[in-house]
Each structure stands twice: as structure tokens, then as C-alpha cells.
Amino acid sequence: MIGKFFLAFGLFLLYMVLLGAGGVAIVEGGGSNSVLVGFLLAGVVGMVPVMMLIGRKVMAFKADPSVVPVAASELIERLRVLKVQGSPFELVEKDDLIIIAPPLLTTELTLGMQHATVEQTFFVKIWLDEKQHHVSLKDVVTTRTERRGAGEYYFQIEGQSGFVTCSTLIMDGDGHVAKLGNGELRKALIQLFNESGWDVSFKII
């Protein structure tokens, strides 16, 4: 996983270097400002399909071709009973999107007249392509902060998506609390999908 991430990052840097080199070549070749701006705009717009291609081809995990792919309905049932470190996960289906998330523990702190609530968790968005037996994944991390006291109120939500790293506290069926990183959830999902005969790739953007 780490090797694939650095390869994807290296390819993105190569794209940026080539974009910069093209811009320098236009300037040194006497190109007009409008040509340079047009080239750079095309490069920025082209960044989206490049990142999508990197996610699809580089950040990919192929299933054993000898494994017969299970139906999408069976795959979803396997997701429902998935456990990592003894903890079950919440699964939500919405149209063609599936969301899987660990149980959330909220941190609350009261100090004098000030009260703060902090929630940080992650979840994974999943898209299934039943014709190709292909799964696309995207990490999402959200942080919610709320502070109250002394006549003041503060509320903020932050979010990141793509290939991001985060950890949260989970509680297993026996009430034990443990720290879970989304990397462990990614590995469990990749293993589950590949063992079910489905290929996996990541949506970086």
C-alpha cells in the first residue's frame, strides 16, 4: 500500500514537472502570454483525469482471476458482517453509493464555564461496478468541533477526502476501547473484495 502511494505521488510530481517544463519552453520559445496561460489552464484541467487514471491504474488491487466473483448483493452482505479489531461497522446504502463507518466515540471536555465537544471520525465511500466486478474506494475524514460557555458559541466542521490517514477510538462488542486507523479498515476492505473476486482501486480526488 505504501509503495503504491509513493508511486502515485511520484507520477503526480512528474506530471507537475512536465507541466512546468512545458511552460518554460513556451516562454523561452517566445510564445505569447495567451499561449502560456492557455497551456497552463489546459494542464490544470488535465490534472483531474490524470489523478483519476493514477487512482484507477496505480492504486489498484487485482483479485485472483481463478476466484469466481460473487454477486453484488452477496458482497454487500459480507460488508454488513465485517469486523475489524472485533468492532462492527455501520453500513449505509444510498443509490449507487455505499458508506461504511466505524462506531464513533465523542470527546467532551468541561473546564470551568467552558464546554467543548470534539468528534473526529472517518468513513469510506464505496462504488460497485457489477459489470466489471470492480470496486472504487474513497477515504473521507470529518472533524466536528463545538465550544460553548461564557455567552460564546463556536461550531466548525472540517472535511478531507481522497487518500487520507486518520485514526479514531472504537468500542468492540465487549465494551473494550481500542484505537483504529483507517489504514486497517482499507486493508480489511481490500482483502474482503479481492477474496470475493472483485478488483479494487482508489479515487484519489
N, C-alpha and C. Protein backbone atom coordinates (compact mmCIF):
# COMPACT_ATOMS: atom_id res chain seq x y z
N MET A 1 0.83 -1.20 0.00
CA MET A 1 0.00 0.00 0.00
C MET A 1 0.87 1.26 0.00
N ILE A 2 1.89 1.30 0.89
CA ILE A 2 2.77 2.47 0.96
C ILE A 2 3.53 2.66 -0.34
N GLY A 3 4.00 1.53 -0.91
CA GLY A 3 4.73 1.61 -2.17
C GLY A 3 3.87 2.17 -3.29
N LYS A 4 2.61 1.74 -3.36
CA LYS A 4 1.70 2.25 -4.37
C LYS A 4 1.44 3.73 -4.17
N PHE A 5 1.32 4.14 -2.90
CA PHE A 5 1.07 5.56 -2.61
C PHE A 5 2.23 6.42 -3.10
N PHE A 6 3.48 6.00 -2.81
CA PHE A 6 4.63 6.79 -3.23
C PHE A 6 4.78 6.78 -4.76
N LEU A 7 4.43 5.67 -5.40
CA LEU A 7 4.45 5.63 -6.86
C LEU A 7 3.45 6.62 -7.44
N ALA A 8 2.24 6.64 -6.86
CA ALA A 8 1.21 7.58 -7.32
C ALA A 8 1.66 9.02 -7.11
N PHE A 9 2.28 9.29 -5.95
CA PHE A 9 2.76 10.63 -5.65
C PHE A 9 3.87 11.02 -6.61
N GLY A 10 4.77 10.06 -6.93
CA GLY A 10 5.85 10.33 -7.87
C GLY A 10 5.34 10.64 -9.27
N LEU A 11 4.31 9.91 -9.71
CA LEU A 11 3.73 10.18 -11.03
C LEU A 11 3.06 11.55 -11.08
N PHE A 12 2.42 11.93 -9.97
CA PHE A 12 1.81 13.26 -9.92
C PHE A 12 2.88 14.35 -9.99
N LEU A 13 3.98 14.15 -9.26
CA LEU A 13 5.08 15.13 -9.32
C LEU A 13 5.66 15.20 -10.72
N LEU A 14 5.79 14.04 -11.38
CA LEU A 14 6.30 14.02 -12.76
C LEU A 14 5.39 14.84 -13.67
N TYR A 15 4.08 14.69 -13.49
CA TYR A 15 3.14 15.47 -14.29
C TYR A 15 3.34 16.96 -14.06
N MET A 16 3.52 17.36 -12.80
CA MET A 16 3.72 18.78 -12.49
C MET A 16 5.03 19.29 -13.08
N VAL A 17 6.08 18.46 -13.03
CA VAL A 17 7.37 18.86 -13.61
C VAL A 17 7.24 19.05 -15.12
N LEU A 18 6.56 18.11 -15.78
CA LEU A 18 6.37 18.22 -17.23
C LEU A 18 5.53 19.45 -17.58
N LEU A 19 4.54 19.74 -16.74
CA LEU A 19 3.72 20.94 -16.96
C LEU A 19 4.57 22.20 -16.84
N GLY A 20 5.40 22.23 -15.80
CA GLY A 20 6.29 23.39 -15.63
C GLY A 20 7.30 23.51 -16.76
N ALA A 21 7.86 22.38 -17.19
CA ALA A 21 8.84 22.40 -18.29
C ALA A 21 8.20 22.89 -19.58
N GLY A 22 6.94 22.49 -19.81
CA GLY A 22 6.23 22.96 -21.00
C GLY A 22 6.04 24.47 -20.96
N GLY A 23 5.70 24.98 -19.76
CA GLY A 23 5.53 26.42 -19.63
C GLY A 23 6.82 27.18 -19.87
N VAL A 24 7.94 26.65 -19.35
CA VAL A 24 9.25 27.28 -19.57
C VAL A 24 9.61 27.27 -21.05
N ALA A 25 9.33 26.14 -21.72
CA ALA A 25 9.64 26.04 -23.15
C ALA A 25 8.86 27.07 -23.96
N ILE A 26 7.61 27.30 -23.59
CA ILE A 26 6.80 28.29 -24.30
C ILE A 26 7.38 29.69 -24.11
N VAL A 27 7.78 30.00 -22.87
CA VAL A 27 8.35 31.33 -22.59
C VAL A 27 9.66 31.52 -23.34
N GLU A 28 10.55 30.51 -23.29
CA GLU A 28 11.85 30.65 -23.95
C GLU A 28 11.71 30.62 -25.47
N GLY A 29 10.65 30.00 -25.96
CA GLY A 29 10.42 29.96 -27.41
C GLY A 29 9.74 31.21 -27.94
N GLY A 30 9.50 32.17 -27.06
CA GLY A 30 8.90 33.42 -27.50
C GLY A 30 7.39 33.37 -27.63
N GLY A 31 6.77 32.39 -27.00
CA GLY A 31 5.32 32.29 -27.06
C GLY A 31 4.64 33.44 -26.35
N SER A 32 3.46 33.77 -26.78
CA SER A 32 2.73 34.89 -26.18
C SER A 32 2.17 34.48 -24.82
N ASN A 33 1.78 35.50 -24.06
CA ASN A 33 1.20 35.24 -22.74
C ASN A 33 -0.10 34.45 -22.85
N SER A 34 -0.88 34.70 -23.89
CA SER A 34 -2.14 33.99 -24.05
C SER A 34 -1.90 32.50 -24.30
N VAL A 35 -0.84 32.17 -25.05
CA VAL A 35 -0.50 30.76 -25.29
C VAL A 35 -0.06 30.11 -23.98
N LEU A 36 0.75 30.81 -23.21
CA LEU A 36 1.21 30.28 -21.93
C LEU A 36 0.05 30.05 -20.98
N VAL A 37 -0.84 31.04 -20.89
CA VAL A 37 -2.00 30.90 -19.99
C VAL A 37 -2.88 29.75 -20.44
N GLY A 38 -3.11 29.63 -21.75
CA GLY A 38 -3.92 28.54 -22.27
C GLY A 38 -3.31 27.18 -21.97
N PHE A 39 -1.99 27.08 -22.11
CA PHE A 39 -1.29 25.82 -21.82
C PHE A 39 -1.43 25.45 -20.35
N LEU A 40 -1.22 26.44 -19.48
CA LEU A 40 -1.30 26.17 -18.04
C LEU A 40 -2.72 25.82 -17.63
N LEU A 41 -3.71 26.50 -18.20
CA LEU A 41 -5.10 26.17 -17.88
C LEU A 41 -5.44 24.75 -18.33
N ALA A 42 -4.96 24.37 -19.52
CA ALA A 42 -5.20 23.00 -20.01
C ALA A 42 -4.52 21.99 -19.09
N GLY A 43 -3.33 22.35 -18.59
CA GLY A 43 -2.62 21.46 -17.68
C GLY A 43 -3.35 21.28 -16.37
N VAL A 44 -3.92 22.36 -15.85
CA VAL A 44 -4.65 22.29 -14.58
C VAL A 44 -5.93 21.47 -14.76
N VAL A 45 -6.64 21.71 -15.86
CA VAL A 45 -7.86 20.95 -16.14
C VAL A 45 -7.52 19.47 -16.36
N GLY A 46 -6.41 19.23 -17.04
CA GLY A 46 -5.99 17.85 -17.30
C GLY A 46 -5.54 17.11 -16.06
N MET A 47 -5.31 17.85 -14.97
CA MET A 47 -4.87 17.22 -13.73
C MET A 47 -5.93 16.26 -13.19
N VAL A 48 -7.20 16.59 -13.39
CA VAL A 48 -8.29 15.75 -12.86
C VAL A 48 -8.28 14.37 -13.50
N PRO A 49 -8.31 14.25 -14.86
CA PRO A 49 -8.25 12.91 -15.44
C PRO A 49 -6.95 12.18 -15.14
N VAL A 50 -5.85 12.91 -15.01
CA VAL A 50 -4.58 12.27 -14.66
C VAL A 50 -4.66 11.64 -13.28
N MET A 51 -5.21 12.36 -12.31
CA MET A 51 -5.35 11.82 -10.96
C MET A 51 -6.32 10.65 -10.94
N MET A 52 -7.38 10.73 -11.74
CA MET A 52 -8.32 9.62 -11.82
C MET A 52 -7.65 8.38 -12.41
N LEU A 53 -6.82 8.59 -13.43
CA LEU A 53 -6.10 7.48 -14.05
C LEU A 53 -5.11 6.85 -13.08
N ILE A 54 -4.40 7.69 -12.32
CA ILE A 54 -3.46 7.18 -11.33
C ILE A 54 -4.19 6.34 -10.28
N GLY A 55 -5.33 6.85 -9.82
CA GLY A 55 -6.09 6.12 -8.82
C GLY A 55 -6.59 4.79 -9.35
N ARG A 56 -6.98 4.77 -10.63
CA ARG A 56 -7.57 3.56 -11.22
C ARG A 56 -6.50 2.52 -11.56
N LYS A 57 -5.34 2.98 -12.02
CA LYS A 57 -4.31 2.05 -12.50
C LYS A 57 -3.22 1.75 -11.48
N VAL A 58 -2.79 2.78 -10.74
CA VAL A 58 -1.68 2.59 -9.80
C VAL A 58 -2.19 2.11 -8.45
N MET A 59 -3.19 2.81 -7.91
CA MET A 59 -3.74 2.43 -6.61
C MET A 59 -4.79 1.34 -6.80
N ALA A 60 -4.36 0.24 -7.42
CA ALA A 60 -5.29 -0.83 -7.76
C ALA A 60 -4.83 -2.15 -7.15
N PHE A 61 -5.80 -3.00 -6.82
CA PHE A 61 -5.54 -4.30 -6.22
C PHE A 61 -6.41 -5.32 -6.94
N LYS A 62 -5.76 -6.19 -7.71
CA LYS A 62 -6.48 -7.15 -8.54
C LYS A 62 -6.81 -8.42 -7.76
N ALA A 63 -8.01 -8.92 -8.01
CA ALA A 63 -8.41 -10.19 -7.41
C ALA A 63 -7.77 -11.34 -8.18
N ASP A 64 -7.64 -12.48 -7.54
CA ASP A 64 -7.14 -13.68 -8.20
C ASP A 64 -8.11 -14.05 -9.31
N PRO A 65 -7.63 -14.15 -10.58
CA PRO A 65 -8.54 -14.45 -11.69
C PRO A 65 -9.23 -15.81 -11.57
N SER A 66 -8.68 -16.69 -10.73
CA SER A 66 -9.30 -18.00 -10.57
C SER A 66 -10.51 -17.96 -9.63
N VAL A 67 -10.69 -16.83 -8.92
CA VAL A 67 -11.81 -16.70 -8.00
C VAL A 67 -13.05 -16.22 -8.76
N VAL A 68 -14.14 -16.93 -8.62
CA VAL A 68 -15.38 -16.54 -9.27
C VAL A 68 -16.00 -15.38 -8.49
N PRO A 69 -16.22 -14.23 -9.13
CA PRO A 69 -16.79 -13.07 -8.40
C PRO A 69 -18.19 -13.37 -7.87
N VAL A 70 -18.42 -12.95 -6.64
CA VAL A 70 -19.76 -13.11 -6.06
C VAL A 70 -20.65 -11.98 -6.58
N ALA A 71 -21.94 -12.14 -6.42
CA ALA A 71 -22.88 -11.10 -6.83
C ALA A 71 -22.76 -9.89 -5.91
N ALA A 72 -23.18 -8.73 -6.41
CA ALA A 72 -23.10 -7.51 -5.62
C ALA A 72 -23.90 -7.63 -4.32
N SER A 73 -25.04 -8.29 -4.37
CA SER A 73 -25.86 -8.46 -3.16
C SER A 73 -25.12 -9.27 -2.10
N GLU A 74 -24.39 -10.31 -2.53
CA GLU A 74 -23.61 -11.11 -1.60
C GLU A 74 -22.45 -10.30 -1.04
N LEU A 75 -21.85 -9.46 -1.89
CA LEU A 75 -20.74 -8.61 -1.44
C LEU A 75 -21.20 -7.66 -0.35
N ILE A 76 -22.38 -7.08 -0.52
CA ILE A 76 -22.92 -6.16 0.48
C ILE A 76 -23.20 -6.88 1.79
N GLU A 77 -23.71 -8.12 1.70
CA GLU A 77 -23.96 -8.89 2.93
C GLU A 77 -22.66 -9.18 3.66
N ARG A 78 -21.59 -9.43 2.92
CA ARG A 78 -20.29 -9.65 3.56
C ARG A 78 -19.79 -8.37 4.23
N LEU A 79 -20.10 -7.22 3.62
CA LEU A 79 -19.73 -5.95 4.24
C LEU A 79 -20.48 -5.73 5.54
N ARG A 80 -21.73 -6.17 5.58
CA ARG A 80 -22.55 -5.95 6.77
C ARG A 80 -21.98 -6.65 8.00
N VAL A 81 -21.32 -7.78 7.80
CA VAL A 81 -20.81 -8.55 8.94
C VAL A 81 -19.32 -8.34 9.15
N LEU A 82 -18.73 -7.37 8.39
CA LEU A 82 -17.30 -7.09 8.54
C LEU A 82 -16.99 -6.58 9.93
N LYS A 83 -15.91 -7.11 10.52
CA LYS A 83 -15.41 -6.62 11.80
C LYS A 83 -13.91 -6.43 11.70
N VAL A 84 -13.43 -5.34 12.30
CA VAL A 84 -12.00 -5.07 12.38
C VAL A 84 -11.70 -4.81 13.84
N GLN A 85 -10.73 -5.53 14.38
CA GLN A 85 -10.40 -5.46 15.80
C GLN A 85 -11.62 -5.73 16.68
N GLY A 86 -12.47 -6.61 16.21
CA GLY A 86 -13.64 -7.01 16.99
C GLY A 86 -14.80 -6.04 16.94
N SER A 87 -14.65 -4.97 16.17
CA SER A 87 -15.71 -3.95 16.11
C SER A 87 -16.51 -4.06 14.83
N PRO A 88 -17.84 -4.01 14.93
CA PRO A 88 -18.68 -3.97 13.73
C PRO A 88 -18.67 -2.57 13.14
N PHE A 89 -19.18 -2.45 11.92
CA PHE A 89 -19.21 -1.16 11.24
C PHE A 89 -20.61 -0.85 10.76
N GLU A 90 -20.91 0.43 10.73
CA GLU A 90 -22.21 0.87 10.21
C GLU A 90 -22.14 0.93 8.69
N LEU A 91 -23.16 0.39 8.04
CA LEU A 91 -23.21 0.39 6.58
C LEU A 91 -24.48 1.08 6.12
N VAL A 92 -24.32 2.05 5.22
CA VAL A 92 -25.45 2.81 4.69
C VAL A 92 -25.43 2.71 3.17
N GLU A 93 -26.56 2.34 2.57
CA GLU A 93 -26.69 2.28 1.12
C GLU A 93 -27.51 3.47 0.64
N LYS A 94 -26.99 4.16 -0.37
CA LYS A 94 -27.70 5.31 -0.93
C LYS A 94 -27.46 5.34 -2.43
N ASP A 95 -28.49 5.00 -3.18
CA ASP A 95 -28.40 4.92 -4.64
C ASP A 95 -27.27 3.95 -5.02
N ASP A 96 -26.27 4.44 -5.78
CA ASP A 96 -25.17 3.58 -6.18
C ASP A 96 -23.98 3.68 -5.24
N LEU A 97 -24.18 4.35 -4.11
CA LEU A 97 -23.09 4.59 -3.16
C LEU A 97 -23.32 3.82 -1.86
N ILE A 98 -22.24 3.24 -1.34
CA ILE A 98 -22.27 2.57 -0.05
C ILE A 98 -21.28 3.29 0.87
N ILE A 99 -21.69 3.53 2.09
CA ILE A 99 -20.80 4.16 3.07
C ILE A 99 -20.62 3.19 4.24
N ILE A 100 -19.37 2.97 4.63
CA ILE A 100 -19.08 2.13 5.77
C ILE A 100 -18.24 2.94 6.76
N ALA A 101 -18.66 2.91 8.03
CA ALA A 101 -18.02 3.76 9.04
C ALA A 101 -17.92 3.02 10.36
N PRO A 102 -16.86 3.27 11.14
CA PRO A 102 -16.74 2.68 12.46
C PRO A 102 -17.65 3.39 13.45
N PRO A 103 -17.98 2.74 14.57
CA PRO A 103 -18.74 3.45 15.60
C PRO A 103 -17.92 4.61 16.15
N LEU A 104 -18.60 5.67 16.50
CA LEU A 104 -17.92 6.91 16.90
C LEU A 104 -17.98 7.12 18.40
N LEU A 105 -16.85 7.47 18.99
CA LEU A 105 -16.81 7.90 20.38
C LEU A 105 -16.56 9.40 20.39
N THR A 106 -17.38 10.14 21.11
CA THR A 106 -17.26 11.59 21.17
C THR A 106 -16.44 12.01 22.38
N THR A 107 -15.54 12.96 22.19
CA THR A 107 -14.74 13.50 23.27
C THR A 107 -15.37 14.80 23.77
N GLU A 108 -15.66 14.86 25.07
CA GLU A 108 -16.24 16.08 25.65
C GLU A 108 -15.37 16.54 26.81
N LEU A 109 -15.16 17.83 26.90
CA LEU A 109 -14.31 18.41 27.94
C LEU A 109 -15.02 19.61 28.56
N THR A 110 -15.11 19.63 29.88
CA THR A 110 -15.69 20.76 30.59
C THR A 110 -14.64 21.33 31.53
N LEU A 111 -14.36 22.62 31.38
CA LEU A 111 -13.37 23.27 32.22
C LEU A 111 -13.96 24.61 32.65
N GLY A 112 -14.34 24.69 33.91
CA GLY A 112 -14.96 25.91 34.40
C GLY A 112 -16.27 26.16 33.68
N MET A 113 -16.38 27.34 33.06
CA MET A 113 -17.60 27.71 32.34
C MET A 113 -17.53 27.30 30.86
N GLN A 114 -16.41 26.68 30.46
CA GLN A 114 -16.24 26.33 29.05
C GLN A 114 -16.51 24.84 28.84
N HIS A 115 -17.22 24.53 27.75
CA HIS A 115 -17.51 23.14 27.41
C HIS A 115 -17.18 22.93 25.93
N ALA A 116 -16.42 21.88 25.64
CA ALA A 116 -16.03 21.61 24.26
C ALA A 116 -16.39 20.18 23.89
N THR A 117 -16.87 20.01 22.69
CA THR A 117 -17.17 18.68 22.13
C THR A 117 -16.40 18.52 20.83
N VAL A 118 -15.67 17.44 20.74
CA VAL A 118 -14.88 17.18 19.54
C VAL A 118 -15.22 15.78 19.01
N GLU A 119 -15.59 15.71 17.76
CA GLU A 119 -15.85 14.43 17.10
C GLU A 119 -14.94 14.33 15.88
N GLN A 120 -14.16 13.29 15.81
CA GLN A 120 -13.36 13.05 14.61
C GLN A 120 -13.52 11.60 14.21
N THR A 121 -13.89 11.38 13.01
CA THR A 121 -14.06 10.01 12.53
C THR A 121 -13.76 9.96 11.05
N PHE A 122 -13.76 8.78 10.53
CA PHE A 122 -13.57 8.60 9.10
C PHE A 122 -14.59 7.60 8.60
N PHE A 123 -14.85 7.65 7.33
CA PHE A 123 -15.67 6.63 6.71
C PHE A 123 -15.17 6.42 5.30
N VAL A 124 -15.60 5.35 4.68
CA VAL A 124 -15.15 5.01 3.33
C VAL A 124 -16.36 4.98 2.41
N LYS A 125 -16.25 5.71 1.31
CA LYS A 125 -17.28 5.66 0.26
C LYS A 125 -16.93 4.53 -0.70
N ILE A 126 -17.93 3.76 -1.09
CA ILE A 126 -17.72 2.59 -1.93
C ILE A 126 -18.67 2.64 -3.12
N TRP A 127 -18.13 2.47 -4.31
CA TRP A 127 -18.93 2.36 -5.53
C TRP A 127 -18.70 0.98 -6.14
N LEU A 128 -19.77 0.29 -6.49
CA LEU A 128 -19.67 -1.04 -7.08
C LEU A 128 -20.03 -0.99 -8.57
N ASP A 129 -19.16 -1.56 -9.38
CA ASP A 129 -19.43 -1.73 -10.81
C ASP A 129 -19.63 -3.23 -11.04
N GLU A 130 -20.91 -3.66 -11.05
CA GLU A 130 -21.19 -5.09 -11.10
C GLU A 130 -20.80 -5.70 -12.44
N LYS A 131 -20.86 -4.93 -13.52
CA LYS A 131 -20.50 -5.47 -14.83
C LYS A 131 -19.01 -5.81 -14.88
N GLN A 132 -18.18 -4.93 -14.31
CA GLN A 132 -16.73 -5.13 -14.34
C GLN A 132 -16.22 -5.85 -13.09
N HIS A 133 -17.11 -6.09 -12.13
CA HIS A 133 -16.70 -6.64 -10.82
C HIS A 133 -15.54 -5.82 -10.26
N HIS A 134 -15.80 -4.52 -10.21
CA HIS A 134 -14.79 -3.56 -9.77
C HIS A 134 -15.35 -2.67 -8.66
N VAL A 135 -14.52 -2.41 -7.66
CA VAL A 135 -14.90 -1.57 -6.52
C VAL A 135 -14.02 -0.33 -6.49
N SER A 136 -14.62 0.84 -6.35
CA SER A 136 -13.87 2.09 -6.17
C SER A 136 -14.07 2.57 -4.74
N LEU A 137 -12.96 2.96 -4.10
CA LEU A 137 -13.00 3.41 -2.71
C LEU A 137 -12.50 4.85 -2.60
N LYS A 138 -13.04 5.58 -1.63
CA LYS A 138 -12.52 6.92 -1.30
C LYS A 138 -12.62 7.12 0.20
N ASP A 139 -11.51 7.55 0.82
CA ASP A 139 -11.49 7.87 2.24
C ASP A 139 -12.08 9.25 2.47
N VAL A 140 -12.82 9.40 3.55
CA VAL A 140 -13.33 10.71 3.95
C VAL A 140 -13.10 10.85 5.46
N VAL A 141 -12.55 11.98 5.87
CA VAL A 141 -12.30 12.27 7.28
C VAL A 141 -13.06 13.53 7.65
N THR A 142 -13.80 13.49 8.75
CA THR A 142 -14.52 14.68 9.21
C THR A 142 -14.17 14.98 10.66
N THR A 143 -14.08 16.25 10.96
CA THR A 143 -13.83 16.70 12.33
C THR A 143 -14.87 17.74 12.69
N ARG A 144 -15.58 17.53 13.80
CA ARG A 144 -16.61 18.46 14.26
C ARG A 144 -16.19 19.00 15.62
N THR A 145 -16.12 20.31 15.73
CA THR A 145 -15.72 20.97 16.98
C THR A 145 -16.82 21.92 17.42
N GLU A 146 -17.19 21.84 18.69
CA GLU A 146 -18.21 22.72 19.24
C GLU A 146 -17.76 23.20 20.61
N ARG A 147 -17.77 24.50 20.82
CA ARG A 147 -17.38 25.08 22.10
C ARG A 147 -18.48 26.01 22.59
N ARG A 148 -18.79 25.90 23.87
CA ARG A 148 -19.83 26.74 24.46
C ARG A 148 -19.35 27.24 25.82
N GLY A 149 -19.84 28.41 26.20
CA GLY A 149 -19.53 28.92 27.53
C GLY A 149 -19.32 30.41 27.54
N ALA A 150 -19.61 31.01 28.70
CA ALA A 150 -19.41 32.44 28.92
C ALA A 150 -20.07 33.27 27.82
N GLY A 151 -21.26 32.85 27.40
CA GLY A 151 -22.00 33.62 26.42
C GLY A 151 -21.49 33.49 24.99
N GLU A 152 -20.53 32.59 24.77
CA GLU A 152 -19.98 32.44 23.43
C GLU A 152 -20.30 31.04 22.89
N TYR A 153 -20.39 30.96 21.58
CA TYR A 153 -20.67 29.67 20.94
C TYR A 153 -19.84 29.57 19.67
N TYR A 154 -19.19 28.44 19.49
CA TYR A 154 -18.34 28.23 18.32
C TYR A 154 -18.61 26.84 17.78
N PHE A 155 -18.79 26.74 16.45
CA PHE A 155 -19.09 25.46 15.82
C PHE A 155 -18.35 25.39 14.49
N GLN A 156 -17.70 24.27 14.22
CA GLN A 156 -16.94 24.14 12.98
C GLN A 156 -16.90 22.69 12.53
N ILE A 157 -17.01 22.48 11.23
CA ILE A 157 -16.88 21.16 10.64
C ILE A 157 -15.80 21.23 9.56
N GLU A 158 -14.85 20.31 9.62
CA GLU A 158 -13.80 20.23 8.61
C GLU A 158 -13.86 18.87 7.95
N GLY A 159 -13.49 18.80 6.69
CA GLY A 159 -13.53 17.52 5.98
C GLY A 159 -12.40 17.39 4.99
N GLN A 160 -11.92 16.17 4.82
CA GLN A 160 -10.92 15.86 3.81
C GLN A 160 -11.39 14.60 3.08
N SER A 161 -11.03 14.47 1.83
CA SER A 161 -11.37 13.25 1.11
C SER A 161 -10.24 12.90 0.16
N GLY A 162 -10.25 11.67 -0.30
CA GLY A 162 -9.19 11.17 -1.16
C GLY A 162 -8.48 10.03 -0.46
N PHE A 163 -7.16 10.02 -0.56
CA PHE A 163 -6.36 9.00 0.13
C PHE A 163 -5.75 9.67 1.35
N VAL A 164 -6.46 9.64 2.47
CA VAL A 164 -6.04 10.34 3.68
C VAL A 164 -5.87 9.34 4.83
N THR A 165 -5.16 9.79 5.86
CA THR A 165 -4.89 8.94 7.01
C THR A 165 -5.52 9.53 8.25
N CYS A 166 -6.15 8.69 9.04
CA CYS A 166 -6.82 9.14 10.26
C CYS A 166 -6.97 7.94 11.19
N SER A 167 -7.19 8.22 12.46
CA SER A 167 -7.49 7.16 13.42
C SER A 167 -8.59 7.65 14.35
N THR A 168 -9.30 6.72 14.94
CA THR A 168 -10.37 7.06 15.87
C THR A 168 -10.45 5.98 16.94
N LEU A 169 -11.21 6.25 17.98
CA LEU A 169 -11.43 5.25 19.02
C LEU A 169 -12.68 4.46 18.70
N ILE A 170 -12.60 3.14 18.87
CA ILE A 170 -13.74 2.28 18.62
C ILE A 170 -14.02 1.44 19.86
N MET A 171 -15.21 0.92 19.93
CA MET A 171 -15.59 0.05 21.05
C MET A 171 -16.09 -1.27 20.48
N ASP A 172 -15.49 -2.39 20.92
CA ASP A 172 -15.91 -3.68 20.40
C ASP A 172 -17.16 -4.17 21.13
N GLY A 173 -17.60 -5.37 20.78
CA GLY A 173 -18.83 -5.91 21.36
C GLY A 173 -18.75 -6.15 22.84
N ASP A 174 -17.54 -6.26 23.39
CA ASP A 174 -17.36 -6.49 24.82
C ASP A 174 -17.16 -5.20 25.60
N GLY A 175 -17.25 -4.06 24.91
CA GLY A 175 -17.10 -2.78 25.59
C GLY A 175 -15.67 -2.31 25.73
N HIS A 176 -14.72 -2.99 25.10
CA HIS A 176 -13.32 -2.57 25.16
C HIS A 176 -13.05 -1.48 24.12
N VAL A 177 -12.29 -0.48 24.53
CA VAL A 177 -11.98 0.63 23.64
C VAL A 177 -10.59 0.43 23.04
N ALA A 178 -10.47 0.64 21.74
CA ALA A 178 -9.18 0.50 21.07
C ALA A 178 -9.07 1.58 20.00
N LYS A 179 -7.84 1.83 19.58
CA LYS A 179 -7.58 2.81 18.53
C LYS A 179 -7.56 2.10 17.19
N LEU A 180 -8.29 2.64 16.23
CA LEU A 180 -8.36 2.05 14.90
C LEU A 180 -7.96 3.08 13.86
N GLY A 181 -7.01 2.74 13.01
CA GLY A 181 -6.63 3.60 11.90
C GLY A 181 -7.38 3.20 10.65
N ASN A 182 -7.66 4.18 9.79
CA ASN A 182 -8.40 3.84 8.58
C ASN A 182 -7.58 2.98 7.63
N GLY A 183 -6.25 2.94 7.83
CA GLY A 183 -5.43 2.04 7.03
C GLY A 183 -5.79 0.58 7.29
N GLU A 184 -6.13 0.26 8.54
CA GLU A 184 -6.53 -1.11 8.86
C GLU A 184 -7.87 -1.44 8.21
N LEU A 185 -8.77 -0.46 8.17
CA LEU A 185 -10.05 -0.67 7.51
C LEU A 185 -9.85 -0.85 6.01
N ARG A 186 -8.97 -0.05 5.41
CA ARG A 186 -8.67 -0.20 3.98
C ARG A 186 -8.17 -1.60 3.67
N LYS A 187 -7.23 -2.09 4.48
CA LYS A 187 -6.68 -3.43 4.25
C LYS A 187 -7.77 -4.49 4.36
N ALA A 188 -8.64 -4.36 5.36
CA ALA A 188 -9.71 -5.33 5.54
C ALA A 188 -10.68 -5.31 4.36
N LEU A 189 -10.97 -4.11 3.85
CA LEU A 189 -11.88 -3.99 2.71
C LEU A 189 -11.26 -4.59 1.44
N ILE A 190 -9.99 -4.27 1.20
CA ILE A 190 -9.31 -4.81 0.02
C ILE A 190 -9.30 -6.34 0.07
N GLN A 191 -8.97 -6.89 1.24
CA GLN A 191 -8.94 -8.34 1.38
C GLN A 191 -10.32 -8.94 1.14
N LEU A 192 -11.35 -8.32 1.72
CA LEU A 192 -12.71 -8.84 1.54
C LEU A 192 -13.13 -8.82 0.07
N PHE A 193 -12.86 -7.70 -0.62
CA PHE A 193 -13.27 -7.58 -2.01
C PHE A 193 -12.49 -8.54 -2.90
N ASN A 194 -11.15 -8.59 -2.71
CA ASN A 194 -10.34 -9.47 -3.55
C ASN A 194 -10.69 -10.94 -3.34
N GLU A 195 -10.94 -11.32 -2.09
CA GLU A 195 -11.32 -12.71 -1.83
C GLU A 195 -12.70 -13.02 -2.38
N SER A 196 -13.48 -11.98 -2.67
CA SER A 196 -14.82 -12.16 -3.27
C SER A 196 -14.77 -12.10 -4.79
N GLY A 197 -13.55 -11.95 -5.35
CA GLY A 197 -13.39 -11.94 -6.79
C GLY A 197 -13.53 -10.57 -7.44
N TRP A 198 -13.52 -9.49 -6.64
CA TRP A 198 -13.69 -8.14 -7.17
C TRP A 198 -12.36 -7.39 -7.11
N ASP A 199 -12.06 -6.62 -8.18
CA ASP A 199 -10.90 -5.75 -8.19
C ASP A 199 -11.19 -4.47 -7.42
N VAL A 200 -10.13 -3.85 -6.91
CA VAL A 200 -10.29 -2.63 -6.08
C VAL A 200 -9.36 -1.54 -6.60
N SER A 201 -9.84 -0.30 -6.63
CA SER A 201 -8.98 0.85 -6.88
C SER A 201 -9.46 2.02 -6.04
N PHE A 202 -8.62 3.04 -5.91
CA PHE A 202 -8.95 4.19 -5.06
C PHE A 202 -9.20 5.42 -5.90
N LYS A 203 -10.21 6.19 -5.47
CA LYS A 203 -10.44 7.51 -6.03
C LYS A 203 -9.61 8.50 -5.21
N ILE A 204 -8.59 9.07 -5.84
CA ILE A 204 -7.71 9.99 -5.11
C ILE A 204 -8.35 11.35 -4.97
N ILE A 205 -9.15 11.77 -5.95
CA ILE A 205 -9.83 13.05 -5.87
C ILE A 205 -11.32 12.84 -6.04
